[in-house]
PDB file of N, CA and C in Angstrom:
ATOM      1  N   MET A   1       0.804  -1.242  -0.072  1.00  0.00           N
ATOM      2  CA  MET A   1      -0.005  -0.248  -0.007  1.00  0.00           C
ATOM      3  C   MET A   1       0.886   1.313  -0.103  1.00  0.00           C
ATOM      4  N   SER A   2       1.925   1.339   0.925  1.00  0.00           N
ATOM      5  CA  SER A   2       2.581   2.363   0.925  1.00  0.00           C
ATOM      6  C   SER A   2       3.712   2.779  -0.360  1.00  0.00           C
ATOM      7  N   LEU A   3       4.087   1.669  -1.011  1.00  0.00           N
ATOM      8  CA  LEU A   3       4.588   1.718  -1.955  1.00  0.00           C
ATOM      9  C   LEU A   3       3.863   2.263  -3.377  1.00  0.00           C
ATOM     10  N   ALA A   4       2.472   1.961  -3.313  1.00  0.00           N
ATOM     11  CA  ALA A   4       1.626   2.572  -4.344  1.00  0.00           C
ATOM     12  C   ALA A   4       1.685   3.896  -4.139  1.00  0.00           C
ATOM     13  N   LEU A   5       1.364   4.278  -2.727  1.00  0.00           N
ATOM     14  CA  LEU A   5       1.162   5.859  -2.486  1.00  0.00           C
ATOM     15  C   LEU A   5       2.404   6.670  -2.702  1.00  0.00           C
ATOM     16  N   ILE A   6       3.716   5.972  -2.640  1.00  0.00           N
ATOM     17  CA  ILE A   6       4.785   6.713  -3.014  1.00  0.00           C
ATOM     18  C   ILE A   6       5.037   6.800  -4.456  1.00  0.00           C
ATOM     19  N   LEU A   7       4.549   5.834  -5.261  1.00  0.00           N
ATOM     20  CA  LEU A   7       4.641   6.255  -6.540  1.00  0.00           C
ATOM     21  C   LEU A   7       3.680   7.054  -7.147  1.00  0.00           C
ATOM     22  N   ALA A   8       2.622   7.024  -6.556  1.00  0.00           N
ATOM     23  CA  ALA A   8       1.337   8.209  -6.953  1.00  0.00           C
ATOM     24  C   ALA A   8       1.972   9.634  -6.479  1.00  0.00           C
ATOM     25  N   GLY A   9       2.261   9.614  -5.364  1.00  0.00           N
ATOM     26  CA  GLY A   9       2.880  11.068  -4.814  1.00  0.00           C
ATOM     27  C   GLY A   9       3.983  11.559  -5.483  1.00  0.00           C
ATOM     28  N   ALA A  10       4.904  10.589  -6.073  1.00  0.00           N
ATOM     29  CA  ALA A  10       6.253  11.077  -6.818  1.00  0.00           C
ATOM     30  C   ALA A  10       5.794  11.450  -8.250  1.00  0.00           C
ATOM     31  N   ALA A  11       4.769  10.731  -8.581  1.00  0.00           N
ATOM     32  CA  ALA A  11       4.168  11.184 -10.001  1.00  0.00           C
ATOM     33  C   ALA A  11       3.629  12.576 -10.016  1.00  0.00           C
ATOM     34  N   LEU A  12       2.860  12.855  -9.182  1.00  0.00           N
ATOM     35  CA  LEU A  12       2.207  14.286  -8.949  1.00  0.00           C
ATOM     36  C   LEU A  12       3.109  15.179  -8.821  1.00  0.00           C
ATOM     37  N   VAL A  13       3.985  14.947  -7.755  1.00  0.00           N
ATOM     38  CA  VAL A  13       5.179  16.069  -7.542  1.00  0.00           C
ATOM     39  C   VAL A  13       6.087  16.250  -8.866  1.00  0.00           C
ATOM     40  N   ALA A  14       6.438  15.107  -9.622  1.00  0.00           N
ATOM     41  CA  ALA A  14       7.348  15.278 -10.836  1.00  0.00           C
ATOM     42  C   ALA A  14       6.627  16.098 -11.814  1.00  0.00           C
ATOM     43  N   ILE A  15       5.351  15.772 -12.178  1.00  0.00           N
ATOM     44  CA  ILE A  15       4.359  16.717 -12.922  1.00  0.00           C
ATOM     45  C   ILE A  15       4.418  18.004 -12.635  1.00  0.00           C
ATOM     46  N   ALA A  16       4.391  18.332 -11.212  1.00  0.00           N
ATOM     47  CA  ALA A  16       4.208  19.741 -10.903  1.00  0.00           C
ATOM     48  C   ALA A  16       5.571  20.325 -11.137  1.00  0.00           C
ATOM     49  N   LEU A  17       6.818  19.642 -10.767  1.00  0.00           N
ATOM     50  CA  LEU A  17       8.035  20.295 -11.013  1.00  0.00           C
ATOM     51  C   LEU A  17       8.459  20.749 -12.264  1.00  0.00           C
ATOM     52  N   PHE A  18       8.138  19.613 -13.015  1.00  0.00           N
ATOM     53  CA  PHE A  18       8.625  19.665 -14.516  1.00  0.00           C
ATOM     54  C   PHE A  18       7.766  19.985 -15.575  1.00  0.00           C
ATOM     55  N   ASN A  19       6.570  20.069 -15.144  1.00  0.00           N
ATOM     56  CA  ASN A  19       5.327  20.527 -16.299  1.00  0.00           C
ATOM     57  C   ASN A  19       5.413  19.882 -17.456  1.00  0.00           C
ATOM     58  N   HIS A  20       5.600  18.594 -17.326  1.00  0.00           N
ATOM     59  CA  HIS A  20       5.369  17.922 -18.479  1.00  0.00           C
ATOM     60  C   HIS A  20       4.699  16.537 -18.031  1.00  0.00           C
ATOM     61  N   VAL A  21       3.867  15.771 -19.006  1.00  0.00           N
ATOM     62  CA  VAL A  21       3.395  14.571 -18.537  1.00  0.00           C
ATOM     63  C   VAL A  21       3.426  13.749 -19.829  1.00  0.00           C
ATOM     64  N   PRO A  22       3.618  12.217 -19.485  1.00  0.00           N
ATOM     65  CA  PRO A  22       3.738  11.345 -20.592  1.00  0.00           C
ATOM     66  C   PRO A  22       2.586  11.243 -21.560  1.00  0.00           C
ATOM     67  N   GLN A  23       2.544  10.880 -22.728  1.00  0.00           N
ATOM     68  CA  GLN A  23       1.310  10.865 -23.626  1.00  0.00           C
ATOM     69  C   GLN A  23       1.845   9.820 -24.797  1.00  0.00           C
ATOM     70  N   LEU A  24       0.830   8.861 -25.008  1.00  0.00           N
ATOM     71  CA  LEU A  24       1.404   7.679 -25.916  1.00  0.00           C
ATOM     72  C   LEU A  24       0.726   8.320 -27.224  1.00  0.00           C
ATOM     73  N   GLY A  25       1.632   8.744 -28.263  1.00  0.00           N
ATOM     74  CA  GLY A  25       1.277   9.102 -29.517  1.00  0.00           C
ATOM     75  C   GLY A  25       2.062   8.639 -30.723  1.00  0.00           C
ATOM     76  N   PRO A  26       1.748   8.697 -31.772  1.00  0.00           N
ATOM     77  CA  PRO A  26       2.421   8.329 -32.948  1.00  0.00           C
ATOM     78  C   PRO A  26       3.724   8.686 -33.127  1.00  0.00           C
ATOM     79  N   PRO A  27       4.693   7.741 -33.543  1.00  0.00           N
ATOM     80  CA  PRO A  27       6.287   8.115 -33.733  1.00  0.00           C
ATOM     81  C   PRO A  27       6.245   9.220 -34.596  1.00  0.00           C
ATOM     82  N   PRO A  28       7.384   9.839 -34.359  1.00  0.00           N
ATOM     83  CA  PRO A  28       7.750  11.069 -35.129  1.00  0.00           C
ATOM     84  C   PRO A  28       7.834  10.788 -36.555  1.00  0.00           C
ATOM     85  N   VAL A  29       7.462  11.673 -37.494  1.00  0.00           N
ATOM     86  CA  VAL A  29       7.426  11.499 -38.916  1.00  0.00           C
ATOM     87  C   VAL A  29       8.690  11.552 -39.296  1.00  0.00           C
ATOM     88  N   ALA A  30       9.037  10.459 -40.166  1.00  0.00           N
ATOM     89  CA  ALA A  30      10.526  10.527 -40.607  1.00  0.00           C
ATOM     90  C   ALA A  30      10.491  10.811 -41.986  1.00  0.00           C
ATOM     91  N   ARG A  31      11.660  10.851 -42.744  1.00  0.00           N
ATOM     92  CA  ARG A  31      11.959  11.255 -43.692  1.00  0.00           C
ATOM     93  C   ARG A  31      11.456  10.156 -44.600  1.00  0.00           C
ATOM     94  N   PRO A  32      10.811  10.647 -45.982  1.00  0.00           N
ATOM     95  CA  PRO A  32      10.583   9.528 -46.846  1.00  0.00           C
ATOM     96  C   PRO A  32      11.540   8.721 -47.258  1.00  0.00           C
ATOM     97  N   SER A  33      11.350   7.472 -47.416  1.00  0.00           N
ATOM     98  CA  SER A  33      12.607   6.993 -47.596  1.00  0.00           C
ATOM     99  C   SER A  33      12.189   5.814 -48.983  1.00  0.00           C
ATOM    100  N   THR A  34      12.936   5.067 -49.710  1.00  0.00           N
ATOM    101  CA  THR A  34      12.701   4.023 -50.663  1.00  0.00           C
ATOM    102  C   THR A  34      12.298   2.794 -50.064  1.00  0.00           C
ATOM    103  N   ARG A  35      12.740   2.718 -49.008  1.00  0.00           N
ATOM    104  CA  ARG A  35      12.408   1.270 -48.187  1.00  0.00           C
ATOM    105  C   ARG A  35      11.011   1.329 -47.655  1.00  0.00           C
ATOM    106  N   VAL A  36      10.659   0.046 -47.700  1.00  0.00           N
ATOM    107  CA  VAL A  36       9.344  -0.126 -47.356  1.00  0.00           C
ATOM    108  C   VAL A  36       9.441  -0.582 -45.889  1.00  0.00           C
ATOM    109  N   THR A  37       8.957  -0.098 -44.723  1.00  0.00           N
ATOM    110  CA  THR A  37       9.271  -0.737 -43.430  1.00  0.00           C
ATOM    111  C   THR A  37       7.741  -0.999 -42.635  1.00  0.00           C
ATOM    112  N   ALA A  38       7.590  -1.716 -41.847  1.00  0.00           N
ATOM    113  CA  ALA A  38       6.779  -2.071 -41.304  1.00  0.00           C
ATOM    114  C   ALA A  38       6.225  -0.829 -40.261  1.00  0.00           C
ATOM    115  N   PRO A  39       4.890  -0.480 -40.137  1.00  0.00           N
ATOM    116  CA  PRO A  39       4.425   0.494 -39.293  1.00  0.00           C
ATOM    117  C   PRO A  39       4.760   0.235 -37.826  1.00  0.00           C
ATOM    118  N   SER A  40       5.275   1.244 -37.240  1.00  0.00           N
ATOM    119  CA  SER A  40       5.786   1.162 -35.922  1.00  0.00           C
ATOM    120  C   SER A  40       4.631   1.544 -34.761  1.00  0.00           C
ATOM    121  N   ARG A  41       4.929   0.942 -33.538  1.00  0.00           N
ATOM    122  CA  ARG A  41       3.952   1.303 -32.610  1.00  0.00           C
ATOM    123  C   ARG A  41       4.016   2.515 -31.896  1.00  0.00           C
ATOM    124  N   PRO A  42       2.778   3.106 -31.535  1.00  0.00           N
ATOM    125  CA  PRO A  42       2.847   4.224 -30.691  1.00  0.00           C
ATOM    126  C   PRO A  42       4.188   4.352 -29.498  1.00  0.00           C
ATOM    127  N   ARG A  43       4.589   5.509 -29.300  1.00  0.00           N
ATOM    128  CA  ARG A  43       5.644   5.500 -28.468  1.00  0.00           C
ATOM    129  C   ARG A  43       5.577   6.419 -27.048  1.00  0.00           C
ATOM    130  N   PRO A  44       5.804   6.281 -26.010  1.00  0.00           N
ATOM    131  CA  PRO A  44       5.531   7.261 -25.301  1.00  0.00           C
ATOM    132  C   PRO A  44       6.422   8.505 -25.168  1.00  0.00           C
ATOM    133  N   ARG A  45       5.912   9.641 -25.073  1.00  0.00           N
ATOM    134  CA  ARG A  45       6.658  10.965 -25.205  1.00  0.00           C
ATOM    135  C   ARG A  45       6.254  12.100 -24.056  1.00  0.00           C
ATOM    136  N   LEU A  46       7.035  12.879 -23.597  1.00  0.00           N
ATOM    137  CA  LEU A  46       6.564  13.816 -22.858  1.00  0.00           C
ATOM    138  C   LEU A  46       5.982  15.226 -23.577  1.00  0.00           C
ATOM    139  N   VAL A  47       4.817  15.553 -23.229  1.00  0.00           N
ATOM    140  CA  VAL A  47       4.415  16.858 -23.704  1.00  0.00           C
ATOM    141  C   VAL A  47       4.160  17.799 -22.507  1.00  0.00           C
ATOM    142  N   HIS A  48       4.049  19.096 -22.733  1.00  0.00           N
ATOM    143  CA  HIS A  48       3.648  20.177 -22.142  1.00  0.00           C
ATOM    144  C   HIS A  48       2.497  19.930 -21.434  1.00  0.00           C
ATOM    145  N   ALA A  49       2.388  20.077 -19.965  1.00  0.00           N
ATOM    146  CA  ALA A  49       0.979  19.947 -19.241  1.00  0.00           C
ATOM    147  C   ALA A  49       0.163  21.206 -19.254  1.00  0.00           C
ATOM    148  N   ARG A  50       0.869  22.265 -19.388  1.00  0.00           N
ATOM    149  CA  ARG A  50       0.062  23.531 -19.356  1.00  0.00           C
ATOM    150  C   ARG A  50      -0.588  23.818 -18.052  1.00  0.00           C
ATOM    151  N   LEU A  51       0.017  23.722 -17.065  1.00  0.00           N
ATOM    152  CA  LEU A  51      -0.338  23.740 -15.697  1.00  0.00           C
ATOM    153  C   LEU A  51      -0.359  25.323 -15.402  1.00  0.00           C
ATOM    154  N   THR A  52      -1.318  25.964 -14.917  1.00  0.00           N
ATOM    155  CA  THR A  52      -1.271  27.208 -14.188  1.00  0.00           C
ATOM    156  C   THR A  52      -0.457  27.312 -12.782  1.00  0.00           C
ATOM    157  N   GLU A  53      -0.235  28.439 -12.243  1.00  0.00           N
ATOM    158  CA  GLU A  53       0.666  28.282 -11.111  1.00  0.00           C
ATOM    159  C   GLU A  53      -0.114  27.711  -9.935  1.00  0.00           C
ATOM    160  N   THR A  54      -1.469  27.788 -10.085  1.00  0.00           N
ATOM    161  CA  THR A  54      -2.259  27.345  -8.828  1.00  0.00           C
ATOM    162  C   THR A  54      -2.571  25.804  -9.265  1.00  0.00           C
ATOM    163  N   GLY A  55      -2.405  25.458 -10.175  1.00  0.00           N
ATOM    164  CA  GLY A  55      -2.346  23.953 -10.743  1.00  0.00           C
ATOM    165  C   GLY A  55      -1.098  23.261 -10.116  1.00  0.00           C
ATOM    166  N   ARG A  56       0.134  23.655 -10.434  1.00  0.00           N
ATOM    167  CA  ARG A  56       1.139  23.292  -9.975  1.00  0.00           C
ATOM    168  C   ARG A  56       1.231  23.413  -8.557  1.00  0.00           C
ATOM    169  N   ALA A  57       0.853  24.505  -7.857  1.00  0.00           N
ATOM    170  CA  ALA A  57       0.826  24.336  -6.380  1.00  0.00           C
ATOM    171  C   ALA A  57      -0.123  23.274  -5.691  1.00  0.00           C
ATOM    172  N   THR A  58      -1.299  22.962  -6.209  1.00  0.00           N
ATOM    173  CA  THR A  58      -2.206  21.906  -5.968  1.00  0.00           C
ATOM    174  C   THR A  58      -1.708  20.550  -6.046  1.00  0.00           C
ATOM    175  N   LEU A  59      -0.948  20.356  -7.410  1.00  0.00           N
ATOM    176  CA  LEU A  59      -0.418  18.982  -7.579  1.00  0.00           C
ATOM    177  C   LEU A  59       0.832  18.778  -6.367  1.00  0.00           C
ATOM    178  N   THR A  60       1.714  19.841  -6.248  1.00  0.00           N
ATOM    179  CA  THR A  60       2.698  19.723  -5.032  1.00  0.00           C
ATOM    180  C   THR A  60       2.197  19.374  -3.831  1.00  0.00           C
ATOM    181  N   THR A  61       1.112  20.273  -3.321  1.00  0.00           N
ATOM    182  CA  THR A  61       0.558  19.918  -2.268  1.00  0.00           C
ATOM    183  C   THR A  61       0.087  18.393  -1.937  1.00  0.00           C
ATOM    184  N   LEU A  62      -0.819  17.933  -3.037  1.00  0.00           N
ATOM    185  CA  LEU A  62      -1.292  16.659  -2.949  1.00  0.00           C
ATOM    186  C   LEU A  62      -0.340  15.599  -2.933  1.00  0.00           C
ATOM    187  N   GLY A  63       0.711  15.904  -3.700  1.00  0.00           N
ATOM    188  CA  GLY A  63       1.738  14.671  -4.026  1.00  0.00           C
ATOM    189  C   GLY A  63       2.691  14.753  -2.723  1.00  0.00           C
ATOM    190  N   GLY A  64       2.911  15.849  -2.061  1.00  0.00           N
ATOM    191  CA  GLY A  64       3.665  15.929  -0.786  1.00  0.00           C
ATOM    192  C   GLY A  64       2.963  15.248   0.245  1.00  0.00           C
ATOM    193  N   SER A  65       1.668  15.627   0.270  1.00  0.00           N
ATOM    194  CA  SER A  65       0.644  15.022   1.383  1.00  0.00           C
ATOM    195  C   SER A  65       0.571  13.607   1.247  1.00  0.00           C
ATOM    196  N   ILE A  66       0.670  13.012   0.076  1.00  0.00           N
ATOM    197  CA  ILE A  66       0.426  11.427  -0.335  1.00  0.00           C
ATOM    198  C   ILE A  66       1.871  10.958   0.076  1.00  0.00           C
ATOM    199  N   LEU A  67       2.957  11.457  -0.122  1.00  0.00           N
ATOM    200  CA  LEU A  67       4.206  11.050   0.289  1.00  0.00           C
ATOM    201  C   LEU A  67       4.435  10.794   1.739  1.00  0.00           C
ATOM    202  N   ILE A  68       3.995  12.209   2.609  1.00  0.00           N
ATOM    203  CA  ILE A  68       3.839  11.853   3.842  1.00  0.00           C
ATOM    204  C   ILE A  68       3.093  10.682   4.771  1.00  0.00           C
ATOM    205  N   VAL A  69       1.912  10.459   3.920  1.00  0.00           N
ATOM    206  CA  VAL A  69       0.973   9.463   4.393  1.00  0.00           C
ATOM    207  C   VAL A  69       1.588   8.092   4.317  1.00  0.00           C
ATOM    208  N   ALA A  70       2.227   7.967   3.024  1.00  0.00           N
ATOM    209  CA  ALA A  70       2.986   6.795   2.649  1.00  0.00           C
ATOM    210  C   ALA A  70       4.201   6.594   3.624  1.00  0.00           C
ATOM    211  N   PHE A  71       4.869   7.685   4.033  1.00  0.00           N
ATOM    212  CA  PHE A  71       6.013   7.614   4.943  1.00  0.00           C
ATOM    213  C   PHE A  71       5.535   7.015   6.235  1.00  0.00           C
ATOM    214  N   PHE A  72       4.297   7.511   6.684  1.00  0.00           N
ATOM    215  CA  PHE A  72       3.880   7.022   8.198  1.00  0.00           C
ATOM    216  C   PHE A  72       3.229   5.710   7.959  1.00  0.00           C
ATOM    217  N   LEU A  73       2.707   5.338   7.100  1.00  0.00           N
ATOM    218  CA  LEU A  73       2.056   4.069   6.746  1.00  0.00           C
ATOM    219  C   LEU A  73       3.388   2.963   6.731  1.00  0.00           C
ATOM    220  N   ALA A  74       4.224   3.406   6.078  1.00  0.00           N
ATOM    221  CA  ALA A  74       5.654   2.245   6.162  1.00  0.00           C
ATOM    222  C   ALA A  74       6.264   2.220   7.334  1.00  0.00           C
ATOM    223  N   LEU A  75       6.130   3.331   8.338  1.00  0.00           N
ATOM    224  CA  LEU A  75       6.793   3.341   9.557  1.00  0.00           C
ATOM    225  C   LEU A  75       5.818   2.252  10.405  1.00  0.00           C
ATOM    226  N   SER A  76       4.451   2.445  10.261  1.00  0.00           N
ATOM    227  CA  SER A  76       3.637   1.668  11.067  1.00  0.00           C
ATOM    228  C   SER A  76       3.595   0.329  10.645  1.00  0.00           C
ATOM    229  N   GLY A  77       4.265  -0.123   9.690  1.00  0.00           N
ATOM    230  CA  GLY A  77       4.384  -1.446   8.979  1.00  0.00           C
ATOM    231  C   GLY A  77       3.195  -1.878   7.893  1.00  0.00           C
ATOM    232  N   LEU A  78       2.331  -1.101   7.639  1.00  0.00           N
ATOM    233  CA  LEU A  78       1.163  -1.493   6.669  1.00  0.00           C
ATOM    234  C   LEU A  78       1.733  -1.311   5.289  1.00  0.00           C
TER     235      LEU A  78
END
């Protein structure tokens, strides 16, 4: 339980700090070539999160609170 909370809290804080979120999208368009290649599968990439200052503060607060709760749950043995 505490490990899941640590991962969730760290993800929220990372989004707030770096202002980027992962997105699954089509691969980048390559130069046209004469070879025929198989279509590639979508790749994860980072895109701008477009967070306002209030949104960043909210995500930081929630993520930090979740990390504190996870810390005390880990101390209690849950």
